[in-house]
Each structure stands twice: as C-alpha cells, then as structure tokens.
PDB file of all heavy atoms in Angstrom:
ATOM      1  N   SER A   1       0.830  -1.202   0.000  1.00  0.00           N
ATOM      2  CA  SER A   1       0.000   0.000   0.000  1.00  0.00           C
ATOM      3  C   SER A   1       0.861   1.248   0.000  1.00  0.00           C
ATOM      4  O   SER A   1       1.955   1.291   0.535  1.00  0.00           O
ATOM      5  CB  SER A   1      -0.894   0.010   1.246  1.00  0.00           C
ATOM      6  OG  SER A   1      -0.096  -0.034   2.406  1.00  0.00           O
ATOM      7  N   GLY A   2       0.327   2.262  -0.612  1.00  0.00           N
ATOM      8  CA  GLY A   2       0.956   3.566  -0.551  1.00  0.00           C
ATOM      9  C   GLY A   2       2.133   3.760  -1.492  1.00  0.00           C
ATOM     10  O   GLY A   2       2.921   4.675  -1.313  1.00  0.00           O
ATOM     11  N   HIS A   3       2.294   2.911  -2.475  1.00  0.00           N
ATOM     12  CA  HIS A   3       3.386   3.086  -3.434  1.00  0.00           C
ATOM     13  C   HIS A   3       3.140   4.335  -4.274  1.00  0.00           C
ATOM     14  O   HIS A   3       2.041   4.580  -4.737  1.00  0.00           O
ATOM     15  CB  HIS A   3       3.469   1.874  -4.377  1.00  0.00           C
ATOM     16  CG  HIS A   3       4.189   0.733  -3.739  1.00  0.00           C
ATOM     17  ND1 HIS A   3       4.907  -0.183  -4.467  1.00  0.00           N
ATOM     18  CD2 HIS A   3       4.313   0.374  -2.451  1.00  0.00           C
ATOM     19  CE1 HIS A   3       5.436  -1.082  -3.656  1.00  0.00           C
ATOM     20  NE2 HIS A   3       5.080  -0.762  -2.434  1.00  0.00           N
ATOM     21  N   ILE A   4       4.148   5.109  -4.443  1.00  0.00           N
ATOM     22  CA  ILE A   4       4.077   6.287  -5.297  1.00  0.00           C
ATOM     23  C   ILE A   4       4.897   5.992  -6.535  1.00  0.00           C
ATOM     24  O   ILE A   4       6.080   5.646  -6.441  1.00  0.00           O
ATOM     25  CB  ILE A   4       4.624   7.521  -4.558  1.00  0.00           C
ATOM     26  CG1 ILE A   4       3.813   7.750  -3.271  1.00  0.00           C
ATOM     27  CG2 ILE A   4       4.566   8.743  -5.447  1.00  0.00           C
ATOM     28  CD1 ILE A   4       4.419   8.780  -2.350  1.00  0.00           C
ATOM     29  N   GLU A   5       4.276   6.124  -7.718  1.00  0.00           N
ATOM     30  CA  GLU A   5       4.912   5.685  -8.958  1.00  0.00           C
ATOM     31  C   GLU A   5       6.252   6.366  -9.202  1.00  0.00           C
ATOM     32  O   GLU A   5       7.244   5.715  -9.516  1.00  0.00           O
ATOM     33  CB  GLU A   5       3.964   5.948 -10.137  1.00  0.00           C
ATOM     34  CG  GLU A   5       4.460   5.356 -11.440  1.00  0.00           C
ATOM     35  CD  GLU A   5       3.433   5.481 -12.552  1.00  0.00           C
ATOM     36  OE1 GLU A   5       2.398   4.810 -12.478  1.00  0.00           O
ATOM     37  OE2 GLU A   5       3.675   6.281 -13.463  1.00  0.00           O
ATOM     38  N   ASN A   6       6.301   7.703  -9.062  1.00  0.00           N
ATOM     39  CA  ASN A   6       7.549   8.415  -9.312  1.00  0.00           C
ATOM     40  C   ASN A   6       8.621   8.052  -8.293  1.00  0.00           C
ATOM     41  O   ASN A   6       9.808   8.017  -8.613  1.00  0.00           O
ATOM     42  CB  ASN A   6       7.308   9.932  -9.301  1.00  0.00           C
ATOM     43  CG  ASN A   6       6.557  10.393 -10.547  1.00  0.00           C
ATOM     44  OD1 ASN A   6       6.637   9.757 -11.599  1.00  0.00           O
ATOM     45  ND2 ASN A   6       5.824  11.485 -10.432  1.00  0.00           N
ATOM     46  N   GLN A   7       8.193   7.787  -7.062  1.00  0.00           N
ATOM     47  CA  GLN A   7       9.139   7.365  -6.025  1.00  0.00           C
ATOM     48  C   GLN A   7       9.730   5.998  -6.377  1.00  0.00           C
ATOM     49  O   GLN A   7      10.929   5.770  -6.227  1.00  0.00           O
ATOM     50  CB  GLN A   7       8.423   7.313  -4.675  1.00  0.00           C
ATOM     51  CG  GLN A   7       9.354   7.200  -3.474  1.00  0.00           C
ATOM     52  CD  GLN A   7       8.587   7.215  -2.171  1.00  0.00           C
ATOM     53  OE1 GLN A   7       7.638   6.450  -1.988  1.00  0.00           O
ATOM     54  NE2 GLN A   7       8.990   8.085  -1.262  1.00  0.00           N
ATOM     55  N   ASP A   8       8.873   5.103  -6.852  1.00  0.00           N
ATOM     56  CA  ASP A   8       9.339   3.774  -7.273  1.00  0.00           C
ATOM     57  C   ASP A   8      10.344   3.881  -8.416  1.00  0.00           C
ATOM     58  O   ASP A   8      11.329   3.137  -8.474  1.00  0.00           O
ATOM     59  CB  ASP A   8       8.159   2.906  -7.707  1.00  0.00           C
ATOM     60  CG  ASP A   8       7.413   2.316  -6.517  1.00  0.00           C
ATOM     61  OD1 ASP A   8       7.894   2.490  -5.384  1.00  0.00           O
ATOM     62  OD2 ASP A   8       6.370   1.697  -6.726  1.00  0.00           O
ATOM     63  N   LYS A   9      10.090   4.812  -9.329  1.00  0.00           N
ATOM     64  CA  LYS A   9      11.018   5.014 -10.447  1.00  0.00           C
ATOM     65  C   LYS A   9      12.385   5.444  -9.932  1.00  0.00           C
ATOM     66  O   LYS A   9      13.419   5.011 -10.447  1.00  0.00           O
ATOM     67  CB  LYS A   9      10.475   6.071 -11.422  1.00  0.00           C
ATOM     68  CG  LYS A   9       9.385   5.566 -12.349  1.00  0.00           C
ATOM     69  CD  LYS A   9       8.983   6.650 -13.335  1.00  0.00           C
ATOM     70  CE  LYS A   9       7.849   6.177 -14.244  1.00  0.00           C
ATOM     71  NZ  LYS A   9       7.446   7.236 -15.204  1.00  0.00           N
ATOM     72  N   MET A  10      12.394   6.297  -8.913  1.00  0.00           N
ATOM     73  CA  MET A  10      13.659   6.766  -8.351  1.00  0.00           C
ATOM     74  C   MET A  10      14.419   5.617  -7.687  1.00  0.00           C
ATOM     75  O   MET A  10      15.633   5.493  -7.843  1.00  0.00           O
ATOM     76  CB  MET A  10      13.417   7.894  -7.340  1.00  0.00           C
ATOM     77  CG  MET A  10      12.935   9.199  -7.957  1.00  0.00           C
ATOM     78  SD  MET A  10      14.079   9.836  -9.222  1.00  0.00           S
ATOM     79  CE  MET A  10      13.202   9.405 -10.739  1.00  0.00           C
ATOM     80  N   TYR A  11      13.697   4.767  -6.956  1.00  0.00           N
ATOM     81  CA  TYR A  11      14.339   3.597  -6.343  1.00  0.00           C
ATOM     82  C   TYR A  11      14.935   2.695  -7.422  1.00  0.00           C
ATOM     83  O   TYR A  11      16.075   2.235  -7.322  1.00  0.00           O
ATOM     84  CB  TYR A  11      13.342   2.793  -5.511  1.00  0.00           C
ATOM     85  CG  TYR A  11      12.865   3.472  -4.249  1.00  0.00           C
ATOM     86  CD1 TYR A  11      11.518   3.444  -3.888  1.00  0.00           C
ATOM     87  CD2 TYR A  11      13.761   4.136  -3.407  1.00  0.00           C
ATOM     88  CE1 TYR A  11      11.077   4.069  -2.721  1.00  0.00           C
ATOM     89  CE2 TYR A  11      13.322   4.756  -2.251  1.00  0.00           C
ATOM     90  CZ  TYR A  11      11.977   4.713  -1.905  1.00  0.00           C
ATOM     91  OH  TYR A  11      11.544   5.319  -0.765  1.00  0.00           O
ATOM     92  N   SER A  12      14.133   2.434  -8.462  1.00  0.00           N
ATOM     93  CA  SER A  12      14.590   1.561  -9.551  1.00  0.00           C
ATOM     94  C   SER A  12      15.792   2.157 -10.271  1.00  0.00           C
ATOM     95  O   SER A  12      16.743   1.456 -10.612  1.00  0.00           O
ATOM     96  CB  SER A  12      13.455   1.320 -10.554  1.00  0.00           C
ATOM     97  OG  SER A  12      12.434   0.567  -9.976  1.00  0.00           O
ATOM     98  N   LEU A  13      15.725   3.467 -10.515  1.00  0.00           N
ATOM     99  CA  LEU A  13      16.821   4.165 -11.180  1.00  0.00           C
ATOM    100  C   LEU A  13      18.104   4.023 -10.376  1.00  0.00           C
ATOM    101  O   LEU A  13      19.192   3.823 -10.931  1.00  0.00           O
ATOM    102  CB  LEU A  13      16.454   5.647 -11.329  1.00  0.00           C
ATOM    103  CG  LEU A  13      17.223   6.482 -12.339  1.00  0.00           C
ATOM    104  CD1 LEU A  13      16.966   5.970 -13.753  1.00  0.00           C
ATOM    105  CD2 LEU A  13      16.809   7.936 -12.239  1.00  0.00           C
ATOM    106  N   PHE A  14      17.943   4.058  -9.071  1.00  0.00           N
ATOM    107  CA  PHE A  14      19.112   3.988  -8.188  1.00  0.00           C
ATOM    108  C   PHE A  14      19.793   2.634  -8.278  1.00  0.00           C
ATOM    109  O   PHE A  14      21.005   2.544  -8.457  1.00  0.00           O
ATOM    110  CB  PHE A  14      18.690   4.295  -6.752  1.00  0.00           C
ATOM    111  CG  PHE A  14      19.814   4.833  -5.916  1.00  0.00           C
ATOM    112  CD1 PHE A  14      20.199   6.163  -6.023  1.00  0.00           C
ATOM    113  CD2 PHE A  14      20.508   4.017  -5.040  1.00  0.00           C
ATOM    114  CE1 PHE A  14      21.255   6.661  -5.269  1.00  0.00           C
ATOM    115  CE2 PHE A  14      21.560   4.501  -4.287  1.00  0.00           C
ATOM    116  CZ  PHE A  14      21.934   5.832  -4.391  1.00  0.00           C
ATOM    117  N   TYR A  15      19.007   1.537  -8.165  1.00  0.00           N
ATOM    118  CA  TYR A  15      19.673   0.234  -8.134  1.00  0.00           C
ATOM    119  C   TYR A  15      19.955  -0.349  -9.513  1.00  0.00           C
ATOM    120  O   TYR A  15      20.748  -1.283  -9.637  1.00  0.00           O
ATOM    121  CB  TYR A  15      18.942  -0.770  -7.233  1.00  0.00           C
ATOM    122  CG  TYR A  15      17.610  -1.285  -7.692  1.00  0.00           C
ATOM    123  CD1 TYR A  15      17.497  -2.181  -8.742  1.00  0.00           C
ATOM    124  CD2 TYR A  15      16.438  -0.902  -7.041  1.00  0.00           C
ATOM    125  CE1 TYR A  15      16.269  -2.668  -9.153  1.00  0.00           C
ATOM    126  CE2 TYR A  15      15.204  -1.388  -7.436  1.00  0.00           C
ATOM    127  CZ  TYR A  15      15.131  -2.267  -8.489  1.00  0.00           C
ATOM    128  OH  TYR A  15      13.899  -2.745  -8.896  1.00  0.00           O
ATOM    129  N   THR A  16      19.329   0.173 -10.566  1.00  0.00           N
ATOM    130  CA  THR A  16      19.638  -0.332 -11.906  1.00  0.00           C
ATOM    131  C   THR A  16      20.779   0.437 -12.571  1.00  0.00           C
ATOM    132  O   THR A  16      21.528  -0.137 -13.371  1.00  0.00           O
ATOM    133  CB  THR A  16      18.411  -0.252 -12.839  1.00  0.00           C
ATOM    134  OG1 THR A  16      17.926   1.100 -12.875  1.00  0.00           O
ATOM    135  CG2 THR A  16      17.298  -1.167 -12.379  1.00  0.00           C
ATOM    136  N   ILE A  17      20.921   1.722 -12.249  1.00  0.00           N
ATOM    137  CA  ILE A  17      21.866   2.569 -12.979  1.00  0.00           C
ATOM    138  C   ILE A  17      22.901   3.244 -12.076  1.00  0.00           C
ATOM    139  O   ILE A  17      24.099   3.244 -12.394  1.00  0.00           O
ATOM    140  CB  ILE A  17      21.095   3.649 -13.792  1.00  0.00           C
ATOM    141  CG1 ILE A  17      20.250   2.949 -14.874  1.00  0.00           C
ATOM    142  CG2 ILE A  17      22.044   4.656 -14.425  1.00  0.00           C
ATOM    143  CD1 ILE A  17      19.300   3.843 -15.611  1.00  0.00           C
ATOM    144  N   ILE A  18      22.462   3.789 -10.948  1.00  0.00           N
ATOM    145  CA  ILE A  18      23.375   4.566 -10.106  1.00  0.00           C
ATOM    146  C   ILE A  18      24.337   3.676  -9.319  1.00  0.00           C
ATOM    147  O   ILE A  18      25.539   3.945  -9.258  1.00  0.00           O
ATOM    148  CB  ILE A  18      22.589   5.488  -9.139  1.00  0.00           C
ATOM    149  CG1 ILE A  18      21.636   6.397  -9.931  1.00  0.00           C
ATOM    150  CG2 ILE A  18      23.553   6.321  -8.301  1.00  0.00           C
ATOM    151  CD1 ILE A  18      22.300   7.263 -10.979  1.00  0.00           C
ATOM    152  N   ILE A  19      23.833   2.593  -8.707  1.00  0.00           N
ATOM    153  CA  ILE A  19      24.710   1.704  -7.921  1.00  0.00           C
ATOM    154  C   ILE A  19      25.807   1.067  -8.786  1.00  0.00           C
ATOM    155  O   ILE A  19      26.971   1.045  -8.385  1.00  0.00           O
ATOM    156  CB  ILE A  19      23.882   0.644  -7.160  1.00  0.00           C
ATOM    157  CG1 ILE A  19      23.110   1.321  -6.026  1.00  0.00           C
ATOM    158  CG2 ILE A  19      24.774  -0.469  -6.606  1.00  0.00           C
ATOM    159  CD1 ILE A  19      22.196   0.413  -5.244  1.00  0.00           C
ATOM    160  N   PRO A  20      25.475   0.550  -9.999  1.00  0.00           N
ATOM    161  CA  PRO A  20      26.567   0.032 -10.854  1.00  0.00           C
ATOM    162  C   PRO A  20      27.585   1.103 -11.230  1.00  0.00           C
ATOM    163  O   PRO A  20      28.753   0.787 -11.475  1.00  0.00           O
ATOM    164  CB  PRO A  20      25.822  -0.469 -12.107  1.00  0.00           C
ATOM    165  CG  PRO A  20      24.460  -0.815 -11.606  1.00  0.00           C
ATOM    166  CD  PRO A  20      24.153   0.228 -10.569  1.00  0.00           C
ATOM    167  N   LEU A  21      27.146   2.365 -11.261  1.00  0.00           N
ATOM    168  CA  LEU A  21      28.076   3.475 -11.526  1.00  0.00           C
ATOM    169  C   LEU A  21      28.998   3.704 -10.334  1.00  0.00           C
ATOM    170  O   LEU A  21      30.208   3.890 -10.489  1.00  0.00           O
ATOM    171  CB  LEU A  21      27.280   4.756 -11.818  1.00  0.00           C
ATOM    172  CG  LEU A  21      28.071   6.077 -11.805  1.00  0.00           C
ATOM    173  CD1 LEU A  21      28.999   6.153 -13.001  1.00  0.00           C
ATOM    174  CD2 LEU A  21      27.122   7.264 -11.784  1.00  0.00           C
ATOM    175  N   LEU A  22      28.432   3.665  -9.124  1.00  0.00           N
ATOM    176  CA  LEU A  22      29.187   4.019  -7.921  1.00  0.00           C
ATOM    177  C   LEU A  22      30.131   2.923  -7.447  1.00  0.00           C
ATOM    178  O   LEU A  22      31.222   3.217  -6.935  1.00  0.00           O
ATOM    179  CB  LEU A  22      28.222   4.378  -6.787  1.00  0.00           C
ATOM    180  CG  LEU A  22      27.344   5.619  -6.978  1.00  0.00           C
ATOM    181  CD1 LEU A  22      26.397   5.780  -5.791  1.00  0.00           C
ATOM    182  CD2 LEU A  22      28.201   6.872  -7.144  1.00  0.00           C
ATOM    183  N   ASN A  23      29.721   1.649  -7.586  1.00  0.00           N
ATOM    184  CA  ASN A  23      30.476   0.547  -6.975  1.00  0.00           C
ATOM    185  C   ASN A  23      31.967   0.511  -7.317  1.00  0.00           C
ATOM    186  O   ASN A  23      32.798   0.380  -6.412  1.00  0.00           O
ATOM    187  CB  ASN A  23      29.819  -0.793  -7.314  1.00  0.00           C
ATOM    188  CG  ASN A  23      28.780  -1.193  -6.291  1.00  0.00           C
ATOM    189  OD1 ASN A  23      28.698  -0.621  -5.199  1.00  0.00           O
ATOM    190  ND2 ASN A  23      27.959  -2.170  -6.622  1.00  0.00           N
ATOM    191  N   PRO A  24      32.351   0.603  -8.605  1.00  0.00           N
ATOM    192  CA  PRO A  24      33.796   0.513  -8.885  1.00  0.00           C
ATOM    193  C   PRO A  24      34.597   1.636  -8.230  1.00  0.00           C
ATOM    194  O   PRO A  24      35.756   1.439  -7.855  1.00  0.00           O
ATOM    195  CB  PRO A  24      33.876   0.588 -10.416  1.00  0.00           C
ATOM    196  CG  PRO A  24      32.583   1.162 -10.855  1.00  0.00           C
ATOM    197  CD  PRO A  24      31.566   0.724  -9.852  1.00  0.00           C
TER     198      PRO A  24
END
C-alpha cells in the first residue's frame, strides 16, 4: 500500500543505474 509511482522510479533508477556506476 501507498506506493508512489515516481518514487518507485527513483528507487529503480538507483539500483539499476546509479549503484553500478558508484560501486567501482
């Protein structure tokens, strides 16, 4: 309950694109 679509996009963006950028 209470999922916000744009918030979910930000979470997804973080673990699909930002984390692979930051890790190395």
